[in-house]
C-alpha atoms as a PDB file:
ATOM      1  CA  MET A   1      34.981  11.203  24.151  1.00  0.00           C
ATOM      2  CA  LYS A   2      37.207  14.237  23.984  1.00  0.00           C
ATOM      3  CA  GLY A   3      35.403  17.273  25.288  1.00  0.00           C
ATOM      4  CA  LYS A   4      32.187  17.458  23.275  1.00  0.00           C
ATOM      5  CA  ARG A   5      33.542  15.213  20.494  1.00  0.00           C
ATOM      6  CA  ILE A   6      33.367  11.503  19.925  1.00  0.00           C
ATOM      7  CA  GLU A   7      36.485  10.318  18.140  1.00  0.00           C
ATOM      8  CA  PHE A   8      36.590   7.130  16.133  1.00  0.00           C
ATOM      9  CA  GLY A   9      39.640   5.193  15.112  1.00  0.00           C
ATOM     10  CA  HIS A  10      42.542   3.323  16.647  1.00  0.00           C
ATOM     11  CA  ASP A  11      42.481   3.192  20.441  1.00  0.00           C
ATOM     12  CA  ASP A  12      45.962   3.678  21.822  1.00  0.00           C
ATOM     13  CA  GLY A  13      44.718   3.007  25.366  1.00  0.00           C
ATOM     14  CA  THR A  14      45.463   6.529  26.569  1.00  0.00           C
ATOM     15  CA  VAL A  15      42.941   7.915  29.035  1.00  0.00           C
ATOM     16  CA  GLU A  16      42.836  11.701  29.252  1.00  0.00           C
ATOM     17  CA  GLY A  17      40.730  14.302  30.959  1.00  0.00           C
ATOM     18  CA  GLU A  18      38.616  14.148  34.088  1.00  0.00           C
ATOM     19  CA  SER A  19      36.090  11.480  35.027  1.00  0.00           C
ATOM     20  CA  VAL A  20      32.463  12.381  34.612  1.00  0.00           C
ATOM     21  CA  ALA A  21      29.774  10.747  36.703  1.00  0.00           C
ATOM     22  CA  LEU A  22      27.147   9.425  34.307  1.00  0.00           C
ATOM     23  CA  ARG A  23      23.441   9.343  35.048  1.00  0.00           C
ATOM     24  CA  TYR A  24      21.377   6.486  33.667  1.00  0.00           C
ATOM     25  CA  GLU A  25      17.696   7.195  33.118  1.00  0.00           C
ATOM     26  CA  LYS A  26      14.630   5.490  31.721  1.00  0.00           C
ATOM     27  CA  ASN A  27      11.378   6.838  30.368  1.00  0.00           C
ATOM     28  CA  PHE A  28      10.749  10.214  28.811  1.00  0.00           C
ATOM     29  CA  HIS A  29      10.836  12.117  32.119  1.00  0.00           C
ATOM     30  CA  GLY A  30      14.165  10.599  33.201  1.00  0.00           C
ATOM     31  CA  GLN A  31      13.610   8.187  36.074  1.00  0.00           C
ATOM     32  CA  PRO A  32      16.886   6.791  37.491  1.00  0.00           C
ATOM     33  CA  CYS A  33      17.929   3.298  36.387  1.00  0.00           C
ATOM     34  CA  SER A  34      21.150   1.317  36.027  1.00  0.00           C
ATOM     35  CA  LEU A  35      23.515   0.857  33.106  1.00  0.00           C
ATOM     36  CA  ASP A  36      22.674  -2.848  33.271  1.00  0.00           C
ATOM     37  CA  PHE A  37      18.969  -2.028  32.786  1.00  0.00           C
ATOM     38  CA  ILE A  38      19.793  -0.010  29.653  1.00  0.00           C
ATOM     39  CA  ARG A  39      22.155  -2.686  28.318  1.00  0.00           C
ATOM     40  CA  LYS A  40      19.515  -5.400  28.643  1.00  0.00           C
ATOM     41  CA  LEU A  41      17.109  -3.327  26.550  1.00  0.00           C
ATOM     42  CA  VAL A  42      19.392  -2.029  23.797  1.00  0.00           C
ATOM     43  CA  VAL A  43      22.133  -4.613  23.166  1.00  0.00           C
ATOM     44  CA  GLY A  44      21.200  -6.578  20.069  1.00  0.00           C
ATOM     45  CA  GLN A  45      18.616  -4.072  18.827  1.00  0.00           C
ATOM     46  CA  ALA A  46      18.874  -2.750  15.279  1.00  0.00           C
ATOM     47  CA  VAL A  47      19.381   0.988  14.789  1.00  0.00           C
ATOM     48  CA  THR A  48      16.453   2.293  12.721  1.00  0.00           C
ATOM     49  CA  SER A  49      17.249   6.027  12.861  1.00  0.00           C
ATOM     50  CA  ALA A  50      19.789   8.411  14.310  1.00  0.00           C
ATOM     51  CA  GLY A  51      19.949  12.084  15.182  1.00  0.00           C
ATOM     52  CA  ASP A  52      22.841  14.367  16.118  1.00  0.00           C
ATOM     53  CA  TRP A  53      21.655  17.314  18.191  1.00  0.00           C
ATOM     54  CA  GLY A  54      25.107  18.709  18.968  1.00  0.00           C
ATOM     55  CA  ASP A  55      25.609  17.441  22.496  1.00  0.00           C
ATOM     56  CA  ARG A  56      22.920  14.725  22.320  1.00  0.00           C
ATOM     57  CA  PHE A  57      22.914  11.711  20.030  1.00  0.00           C
ATOM     58  CA  GLU A  58      19.647   9.813  19.656  1.00  0.00           C
ATOM     59  CA  PHE A  59      19.323   6.339  18.203  1.00  0.00           C
ATOM     60  CA  GLY A  60      15.945   4.924  17.247  1.00  0.00           C
ATOM     61  CA  LEU A  61      15.928   1.180  17.884  1.00  0.00           C
ATOM     62  CA  THR A  62      13.563  -1.676  17.107  1.00  0.00           C
ATOM     63  CA  ASP A  63      10.751  -2.240  19.625  1.00  0.00           C
ATOM     64  CA  ASP A  64      10.058   1.545  19.566  1.00  0.00           C
ATOM     65  CA  LEU A  65      13.022   2.281  21.833  1.00  0.00           C
ATOM     66  CA  MET A  66      15.052   5.477  21.812  1.00  0.00           C
ATOM     67  CA  LEU A  67      18.589   5.571  23.215  1.00  0.00           C
ATOM     68  CA  ALA A  68      19.968   9.033  23.972  1.00  0.00           C
ATOM     69  CA  ILE A  69      23.640   9.666  24.693  1.00  0.00           C
ATOM     70  CA  GLU A  70      24.741  12.938  26.261  1.00  0.00           C
ATOM     71  CA  PRO A  71      28.097  13.865  27.836  1.00  0.00           C
ATOM     72  CA  ASP A  72      26.812  13.137  31.362  1.00  0.00           C
ATOM     73  CA  ARG A  73      23.637  11.095  30.808  1.00  0.00           C
ATOM     74  CA  ARG A  74      22.357   7.986  29.049  1.00  0.00           C
ATOM     75  CA  GLN A  75      18.600   7.664  28.607  1.00  0.00           C
ATOM     76  CA  VAL A  76      16.317   5.001  27.173  1.00  0.00           C
ATOM     77  CA  TYR A  77      12.587   5.284  26.576  1.00  0.00           C
ATOM     78  CA  ARG A  78       9.761   3.978  24.417  1.00  0.00           C
ATOM     79  CA  THR A  79       8.416   6.275  21.739  1.00  0.00           C
ATOM     80  CA  ARG A  80       4.888   4.846  21.885  1.00  0.00           C
ATOM     81  CA  ASN A  81       1.959   7.028  22.885  1.00  0.00           C
ATOM     82  CA  PRO A  82       0.447   7.635  25.302  1.00  0.00           C
ATOM     83  CA  ILE A  83       3.718   7.996  27.201  1.00  0.00           C
ATOM     84  CA  ASP A  84       2.316   7.032  30.604  1.00  0.00           C
ATOM     85  CA  GLN A  85       1.096   3.684  29.257  1.00  0.00           C
ATOM     86  CA  ASN A  86       4.437   2.731  27.714  1.00  0.00           C
ATOM     87  CA  LEU A  87       6.853   3.122  30.600  1.00  0.00           C
ATOM     88  CA  LEU A  88       9.905   0.902  30.959  1.00  0.00           C
END
């Protein structure tokens, strides 16, 4: 990440900029969770759709999961309705 950009390519190992504390959230309304919780749900899932909303990337995954990546937040939730019956 450089500012609001994600750069792809060779990693020269240089770390620049200031640290940002990331929030990890689950469910549509953003309940706190851990990075490990998110990893266990999303690692190994196939990406079925993707959206670029400027400062938010969303990845639709198998099992009706949505992974959102923002500069200071990572969020995972199920896209099934009704929302309150499909909490993680």
